[in-house]
């Protein structure tokens, strides 16, 4: 276990949570996709539902729509 991981485990407001992610495709930071109108959120984890953002990421990353819906 990561040192300090259990710190504040008894406090819902301060504890850390883990989220498993299956990365379908990744890009180097220098190739980050940024376009006006894309969904952005400062939360650590969020489910993408914005149609424009999903469409653009599917196109730019060369994914099929089934992969982007999971």
PDB file of N, CA and C in Angstrom:
ATOM      1  N   UNK A   1       0.848  -1.185   0.000  1.00  0.00           N
ATOM      2  CA  UNK A   1       0.000   0.000   0.000  1.00  0.00           C
ATOM      3  C   UNK A   1       0.893   1.248   0.000  1.00  0.00           C
ATOM      4  N   UNK A   2       0.449   2.255  -0.682  1.00  0.00           N
ATOM      5  CA  UNK A   2       1.148   3.534  -0.751  1.00  0.00           C
ATOM      6  C   UNK A   2       1.219   4.166   0.641  1.00  0.00           C
ATOM      7  N   UNK A   3       2.394   4.659   1.066  1.00  0.00           N
ATOM      8  CA  UNK A   3       2.493   5.308   2.375  1.00  0.00           C
ATOM      9  C   UNK A   3       1.487   6.457   2.496  1.00  0.00           C
ATOM     10  N   UNK A   4       0.801   6.521   3.615  1.00  0.00           N
ATOM     11  CA  UNK A   4      -0.156   7.589   3.859  1.00  0.00           C
ATOM     12  C   UNK A   4      -1.524   7.362   3.223  1.00  0.00           C
ATOM     13  N   UNK A   5      -1.687   6.252   2.497  1.00  0.00           N
ATOM     14  CA  UNK A   5      -2.934   6.002   1.783  1.00  0.00           C
ATOM     15  C   UNK A   5      -4.130   5.896   2.742  1.00  0.00           C
ATOM     16  N   UNK A   6      -3.918   5.311   3.897  1.00  0.00           N
ATOM     17  CA  UNK A   6      -5.016   5.121   4.843  1.00  0.00           C
ATOM     18  C   UNK A   6      -5.244   6.345   5.731  1.00  0.00           C
ATOM     19  N   UNK A   7      -4.424   7.364   5.545  1.00  0.00           N
ATOM     20  CA  UNK A   7      -4.592   8.576   6.344  1.00  0.00           C
ATOM     21  C   UNK A   7      -5.975   9.163   6.084  1.00  0.00           C
ATOM     22  N   UNK A   8      -6.675   9.541   7.113  1.00  0.00           N
ATOM     23  CA  UNK A   8      -8.018  10.114   7.043  1.00  0.00           C
ATOM     24  C   UNK A   8      -9.059   9.126   6.507  1.00  0.00           C
ATOM     25  N   UNK A   9      -8.786   7.821   6.585  1.00  0.00           N
ATOM     26  CA  UNK A   9      -9.720   6.805   6.080  1.00  0.00           C
ATOM     27  C   UNK A   9     -11.056   6.838   6.809  1.00  0.00           C
ATOM     28  N   UNK A  10     -11.066   7.351   8.009  1.00  0.00           N
ATOM     29  CA  UNK A  10     -12.315   7.420   8.779  1.00  0.00           C
ATOM     30  C   UNK A  10     -13.080   8.721   8.535  1.00  0.00           C
ATOM     31  N   UNK A  11     -12.623   9.551   7.621  1.00  0.00           N
ATOM     32  CA  UNK A  11     -13.269  10.828   7.339  1.00  0.00           C
ATOM     33  C   UNK A  11     -13.649  10.893   5.858  1.00  0.00           C
ATOM     34  N   UNK A  12     -14.943  10.797   5.566  1.00  0.00           N
ATOM     35  CA  UNK A  12     -15.413  10.802   4.173  1.00  0.00           C
ATOM     36  C   UNK A  12     -15.007  12.052   3.405  1.00  0.00           C
ATOM     37  N   UNK A  13     -14.865  13.165   4.092  1.00  0.00           N
ATOM     38  CA  UNK A  13     -14.518  14.427   3.440  1.00  0.00           C
ATOM     39  C   UNK A  13     -13.041  14.495   3.028  1.00  0.00           C
ATOM     40  N   UNK A  14     -12.175  13.806   3.767  1.00  0.00           N
ATOM     41  CA  UNK A  14     -10.732  13.935   3.545  1.00  0.00           C
ATOM     42  C   UNK A  14     -10.058  12.691   2.977  1.00  0.00           C
ATOM     43  N   UNK A  15     -10.744  11.561   2.997  1.00  0.00           N
ATOM     44  CA  UNK A  15     -10.098  10.313   2.573  1.00  0.00           C
ATOM     45  C   UNK A  15      -9.853  10.291   1.068  1.00  0.00           C
ATOM     46  N   UNK A  16      -8.933   9.441   0.642  1.00  0.00           N
ATOM     47  CA  UNK A  16      -8.643   9.249  -0.781  1.00  0.00           C
ATOM     48  C   UNK A  16      -9.429   8.052  -1.292  1.00  0.00           C
ATOM     49  N   UNK A  17      -9.843   8.123  -2.545  1.00  0.00           N
ATOM     50  CA  UNK A  17     -10.546   7.024  -3.197  1.00  0.00           C
ATOM     51  C   UNK A  17      -9.783   6.638  -4.454  1.00  0.00           C
ATOM     52  N   UNK A  18      -9.843   5.385  -4.811  1.00  0.00           N
ATOM     53  CA  UNK A  18      -9.185   4.907  -6.017  1.00  0.00           C
ATOM     54  C   UNK A  18     -10.234   4.621  -7.086  1.00  0.00           C
ATOM     55  N   UNK A  19      -9.880   4.885  -8.329  1.00  0.00           N
ATOM     56  CA  UNK A  19     -10.765   4.614  -9.453  1.00  0.00           C
ATOM     57  C   UNK A  19      -9.953   3.869 -10.503  1.00  0.00           C
ATOM     58  N   UNK A  20     -10.465   2.710 -10.911  1.00  0.00           N
ATOM     59  CA  UNK A  20      -9.778   1.936 -11.945  1.00  0.00           C
ATOM     60  C   UNK A  20     -10.151   2.496 -13.318  1.00  0.00           C
ATOM     61  N   UNK A  21      -9.148   2.623 -14.171  1.00  0.00           N
ATOM     62  CA  UNK A  21      -9.364   3.148 -15.517  1.00  0.00           C
ATOM     63  C   UNK A  21      -8.755   2.185 -16.517  1.00  0.00           C
ATOM     64  N   UNK A  22      -9.535   1.806 -17.523  1.00  0.00           N
ATOM     65  CA  UNK A  22      -9.015   1.027 -18.642  1.00  0.00           C
ATOM     66  C   UNK A  22      -8.730   2.012 -19.764  1.00  0.00           C
ATOM     67  N   UNK A  23      -7.466   2.333 -19.983  1.00  0.00           N
ATOM     68  CA  UNK A  23      -7.092   3.274 -21.028  1.00  0.00           C
ATOM     69  C   UNK A  23      -7.175   2.573 -22.376  1.00  0.00           C
ATOM     70  N   UNK A  24      -7.995   3.081 -23.285  1.00  0.00           N
ATOM     71  CA  UNK A  24      -8.133   2.519 -24.620  1.00  0.00           C
ATOM     72  C   UNK A  24      -6.980   2.998 -25.491  1.00  0.00           C
ATOM     73  N   UNK A  25      -6.646   4.265 -25.339  1.00  0.00           N
ATOM     74  CA  UNK A  25      -5.562   4.864 -26.108  1.00  0.00           C
ATOM     75  C   UNK A  25      -5.031   6.058 -25.328  1.00  0.00           C
ATOM     76  N   UNK A  26      -3.747   6.306 -25.430  1.00  0.00           N
ATOM     77  CA  UNK A  26      -3.138   7.467 -24.776  1.00  0.00           C
ATOM     78  C   UNK A  26      -2.291   8.230 -25.781  1.00  0.00           C
ATOM     79  N   UNK A  27      -2.034   9.471 -25.461  1.00  0.00           N
ATOM     80  CA  UNK A  27      -1.176  10.326 -26.284  1.00  0.00           C
ATOM     81  C   UNK A  27      -0.151  10.995 -25.385  1.00  0.00           C
ATOM     82  N   UNK A  28       0.995  11.366 -25.942  1.00  0.00           N
ATOM     83  CA  UNK A  28       1.949  12.154 -25.160  1.00  0.00           C
ATOM     84  C   UNK A  28       1.343  13.524 -24.837  1.00  0.00           C
ATOM     85  N   UNK A  29       1.778  14.109 -23.767  1.00  0.00           N
ATOM     86  CA  UNK A  29       1.266  15.414 -23.337  1.00  0.00           C
ATOM     87  C   UNK A  29       1.344  16.457 -24.451  1.00  0.00           C
ATOM     88  N   UNK A  30       2.403  16.382 -25.256  1.00  0.00           N
ATOM     89  CA  UNK A  30       2.583  17.357 -26.337  1.00  0.00           C
ATOM     90  C   UNK A  30       1.486  17.246 -27.399  1.00  0.00           C
ATOM     91  N   UNK A  31       0.786  16.142 -27.438  1.00  0.00           N
ATOM     92  CA  UNK A  31      -0.281  15.935 -28.429  1.00  0.00           C
ATOM     93  C   UNK A  31      -1.670  16.026 -27.791  1.00  0.00           C
ATOM     94  N   UNK A  32      -1.745  16.695 -26.646  1.00  0.00           N
ATOM     95  CA  UNK A  32      -3.032  16.840 -25.954  1.00  0.00           C
ATOM     96  C   UNK A  32      -4.069  17.454 -26.884  1.00  0.00           C
ATOM     97  N   UNK A  33      -5.295  17.002 -26.750  1.00  0.00           N
ATOM     98  CA  UNK A  33      -6.390  17.477 -27.599  1.00  0.00           C
ATOM     99  C   UNK A  33      -7.155  18.555 -26.843  1.00  0.00           C
ATOM    100  N   UNK A  34      -7.117  19.767 -27.366  1.00  0.00           N
ATOM    101  CA  UNK A  34      -7.828  20.893 -26.762  1.00  0.00           C
ATOM    102  C   UNK A  34      -8.540  21.649 -27.864  1.00  0.00           C
ATOM    103  N   UNK A  35      -9.825  21.807 -27.702  1.00  0.00           N
ATOM    104  CA  UNK A  35     -10.619  22.563 -28.663  1.00  0.00           C
ATOM    105  C   UNK A  35     -11.665  23.365 -27.913  1.00  0.00           C
ATOM    106  N   UNK A  36     -11.977  24.515 -28.430  1.00  0.00           N
ATOM    107  CA  UNK A  36     -13.023  25.340 -27.851  1.00  0.00           C
ATOM    108  C   UNK A  36     -14.332  24.567 -27.899  1.00  0.00           C
ATOM    109  N   UNK A  37     -15.042  24.550 -26.797  1.00  0.00           N
ATOM    110  CA  UNK A  37     -16.328  23.867 -26.725  1.00  0.00           C
ATOM    111  C   UNK A  37     -16.268  22.474 -26.131  1.00  0.00           C
ATOM    112  N   UNK A  38     -15.033  21.959 -25.911  1.00  0.00           N
ATOM    113  CA  UNK A  38     -14.917  20.633 -25.302  1.00  0.00           C
ATOM    114  C   UNK A  38     -15.202  20.721 -23.815  1.00  0.00           C
ATOM    115  N   UNK A  39     -15.771  19.657 -23.278  1.00  0.00           N
ATOM    116  CA  UNK A  39     -16.081  19.576 -21.858  1.00  0.00           C
ATOM    117  C   UNK A  39     -14.792  19.555 -21.045  1.00  0.00           C
ATOM    118  N   UNK A  40     -14.766  20.307 -19.974  1.00  0.00           N
ATOM    119  CA  UNK A  40     -13.626  20.311 -19.054  1.00  0.00           C
ATOM    120  C   UNK A  40     -14.157  20.350 -17.628  1.00  0.00           C
ATOM    121  N   UNK A  41     -13.469  19.675 -16.732  1.00  0.00           N
ATOM    122  CA  UNK A  41     -13.899  19.616 -15.344  1.00  0.00           C
ATOM    123  C   UNK A  41     -12.662  19.437 -14.481  1.00  0.00           C
ATOM    124  N   UNK A  42     -12.623  20.097 -13.351  1.00  0.00           N
ATOM    125  CA  UNK A  42     -11.453  20.027 -12.474  1.00  0.00           C
ATOM    126  C   UNK A  42     -11.505  18.849 -11.506  1.00  0.00           C
ATOM    127  N   UNK A  43     -12.607  18.089 -11.510  1.00  0.00           N
ATOM    128  CA  UNK A  43     -12.665  16.902 -10.654  1.00  0.00           C
ATOM    129  C   UNK A  43     -11.649  15.883 -11.138  1.00  0.00           C
ATOM    130  N   UNK A  44     -11.191  15.050 -10.240  1.00  0.00           N
ATOM    131  CA  UNK A  44     -10.219  14.030 -10.595  1.00  0.00           C
ATOM    132  C   UNK A  44     -10.832  13.005 -11.541  1.00  0.00           C
ATOM    133  N   UNK A  45     -12.086  12.642 -11.297  1.00  0.00           N
ATOM    134  CA  UNK A  45     -12.764  11.641 -12.115  1.00  0.00           C
ATOM    135  C   UNK A  45     -14.134  12.162 -12.509  1.00  0.00           C
ATOM    136  N   UNK A  46     -14.470  11.994 -13.773  1.00  0.00           N
ATOM    137  CA  UNK A  46     -15.789  12.384 -14.254  1.00  0.00           C
ATOM    138  C   UNK A  46     -16.111  11.523 -15.476  1.00  0.00           C
ATOM    139  N   UNK A  47     -17.366  11.137 -15.627  1.00  0.00           N
ATOM    140  CA  UNK A  47     -17.763  10.357 -16.802  1.00  0.00           C
ATOM    141  C   UNK A  47     -18.090  11.328 -17.926  1.00  0.00           C
ATOM    142  N   UNK A  48     -17.438  11.148 -19.072  1.00  0.00           N
ATOM    143  CA  UNK A  48     -17.697  12.019 -20.210  1.00  0.00           C
ATOM    144  C   UNK A  48     -19.052  11.687 -20.825  1.00  0.00           C
ATOM    145  N   UNK A  49     -19.913  12.695 -20.932  1.00  0.00           N
ATOM    146  CA  UNK A  49     -21.232  12.521 -21.530  1.00  0.00           C
ATOM    147  C   UNK A  49     -21.518  13.591 -22.582  1.00  0.00           C
ATOM    148  N   UNK A  50     -20.686  14.616 -22.639  1.00  0.00           N
ATOM    149  CA  UNK A  50     -20.906  15.719 -23.562  1.00  0.00           C
ATOM    150  C   UNK A  50     -20.755  15.212 -24.998  1.00  0.00           C
ATOM    151  N   UNK A  51     -21.813  15.303 -25.826  1.00  0.00           N
ATOM    152  CA  UNK A  51     -21.769  14.752 -27.183  1.00  0.00           C
ATOM    153  C   UNK A  51     -20.644  15.319 -28.052  1.00  0.00           C
ATOM    154  N   UNK A  52     -20.414  16.630 -28.004  1.00  0.00           N
ATOM    155  CA  UNK A  52     -19.359  17.233 -28.828  1.00  0.00           C
ATOM    156  C   UNK A  52     -17.985  16.684 -28.442  1.00  0.00           C
ATOM    157  N   UNK A  53     -17.708  16.633 -27.150  1.00  0.00           N
ATOM    158  CA  UNK A  53     -16.413  16.139 -26.674  1.00  0.00           C
ATOM    159  C   UNK A  53     -16.230  14.670 -27.058  1.00  0.00           C
ATOM    160  N   UNK A  54     -17.242  13.848 -26.847  1.00  0.00           N
ATOM    161  CA  UNK A  54     -17.144  12.435 -27.200  1.00  0.00           C
ATOM    162  C   UNK A  54     -16.919  12.246 -28.693  1.00  0.00           C
ATOM    163  N   UNK A  55     -17.631  13.011 -29.506  1.00  0.00           N
ATOM    164  CA  UNK A  55     -17.489  12.903 -30.960  1.00  0.00           C
ATOM    165  C   UNK A  55     -16.072  13.278 -31.397  1.00  0.00           C
ATOM    166  N   UNK A  56     -15.565  14.402 -30.904  1.00  0.00           N
ATOM    167  CA  UNK A  56     -14.228  14.858 -31.300  1.00  0.00           C
ATOM    168  C   UNK A  56     -13.143  13.894 -30.834  1.00  0.00           C
ATOM    169  N   UNK A  57     -13.234  13.408 -29.606  1.00  0.00           N
ATOM    170  CA  UNK A  57     -12.229  12.469 -29.109  1.00  0.00           C
ATOM    171  C   UNK A  57     -12.278  11.164 -29.895  1.00  0.00           C
ATOM    172  N   UNK A  58     -13.473  10.693 -30.209  1.00  0.00           N
ATOM    173  CA  UNK A  58     -13.623   9.472 -31.005  1.00  0.00           C
ATOM    174  C   UNK A  58     -12.973   9.649 -32.372  1.00  0.00           C
ATOM    175  N   UNK A  59     -13.207  10.794 -33.005  1.00  0.00           N
ATOM    176  CA  UNK A  59     -12.626  11.069 -34.321  1.00  0.00           C
ATOM    177  C   UNK A  59     -11.107  11.208 -34.252  1.00  0.00           C
ATOM    178  N   UNK A  60     -10.636  12.069 -33.367  1.00  0.00           N
ATOM    179  CA  UNK A  60      -9.198  12.381 -33.304  1.00  0.00           C
ATOM    180  C   UNK A  60      -8.380  11.170 -32.868  1.00  0.00           C
ATOM    181  N   UNK A  61      -8.906  10.373 -31.953  1.00  0.00           N
ATOM    182  CA  UNK A  61      -8.162   9.217 -31.462  1.00  0.00           C
ATOM    183  C   UNK A  61      -8.370   7.977 -32.327  1.00  0.00           C
ATOM    184  N   UNK A  62      -9.250   8.080 -33.327  1.00  0.00           N
ATOM    185  CA  UNK A  62      -9.487   6.945 -34.213  1.00  0.00           C
ATOM    186  C   UNK A  62     -10.162   5.785 -33.517  1.00  0.00           C
ATOM    187  N   UNK A  63     -11.086   6.079 -32.613  1.00  0.00           N
ATOM    188  CA  UNK A  63     -11.817   5.049 -31.879  1.00  0.00           C
ATOM    189  C   UNK A  63     -13.155   4.794 -32.549  1.00  0.00           C
ATOM    190  N   UNK A  64     -13.713   3.612 -32.319  1.00  0.00           N
ATOM    191  CA  UNK A  64     -15.072   3.394 -32.795  1.00  0.00           C
ATOM    192  C   UNK A  64     -16.026   3.861 -31.698  1.00  0.00           C
ATOM    193  N   UNK A  65     -17.261   4.100 -32.040  1.00  0.00           N
ATOM    194  CA  UNK A  65     -18.216   4.655 -31.073  1.00  0.00           C
ATOM    195  C   UNK A  65     -18.481   3.720 -29.917  1.00  0.00           C
ATOM    196  N   UNK A  66     -18.433   2.411 -30.119  1.00  0.00           N
ATOM    197  CA  UNK A  66     -18.662   1.458 -29.042  1.00  0.00           C
ATOM    198  C   UNK A  66     -17.625   1.634 -27.948  1.00  0.00           C
ATOM    199  N   UNK A  67     -16.380   1.888 -28.319  1.00  0.00           N
ATOM    200  CA  UNK A  67     -15.315   2.075 -27.313  1.00  0.00           C
ATOM    201  C   UNK A  67     -15.544   3.330 -26.509  1.00  0.00           C
ATOM    202  N   UNK A  68     -16.059   4.379 -27.136  1.00  0.00           N
ATOM    203  CA  UNK A  68     -16.252   5.638 -26.425  1.00  0.00           C
ATOM    204  C   UNK A  68     -17.480   5.613 -25.524  1.00  0.00           C
ATOM    205  N   UNK A  69     -18.370   4.638 -25.691  1.00  0.00           N
ATOM    206  CA  UNK A  69     -19.580   4.556 -24.868  1.00  0.00           C
ATOM    207  C   UNK A  69     -19.357   3.801 -23.580  1.00  0.00           C
ATOM    208  N   UNK A  70     -18.260   3.076 -23.439  1.00  0.00           N
ATOM    209  CA  UNK A  70     -18.012   2.284 -22.231  1.00  0.00           C
ATOM    210  C   UNK A  70     -17.529   3.105 -21.091  1.00  0.00           C
TER     211      UNK A  70
END
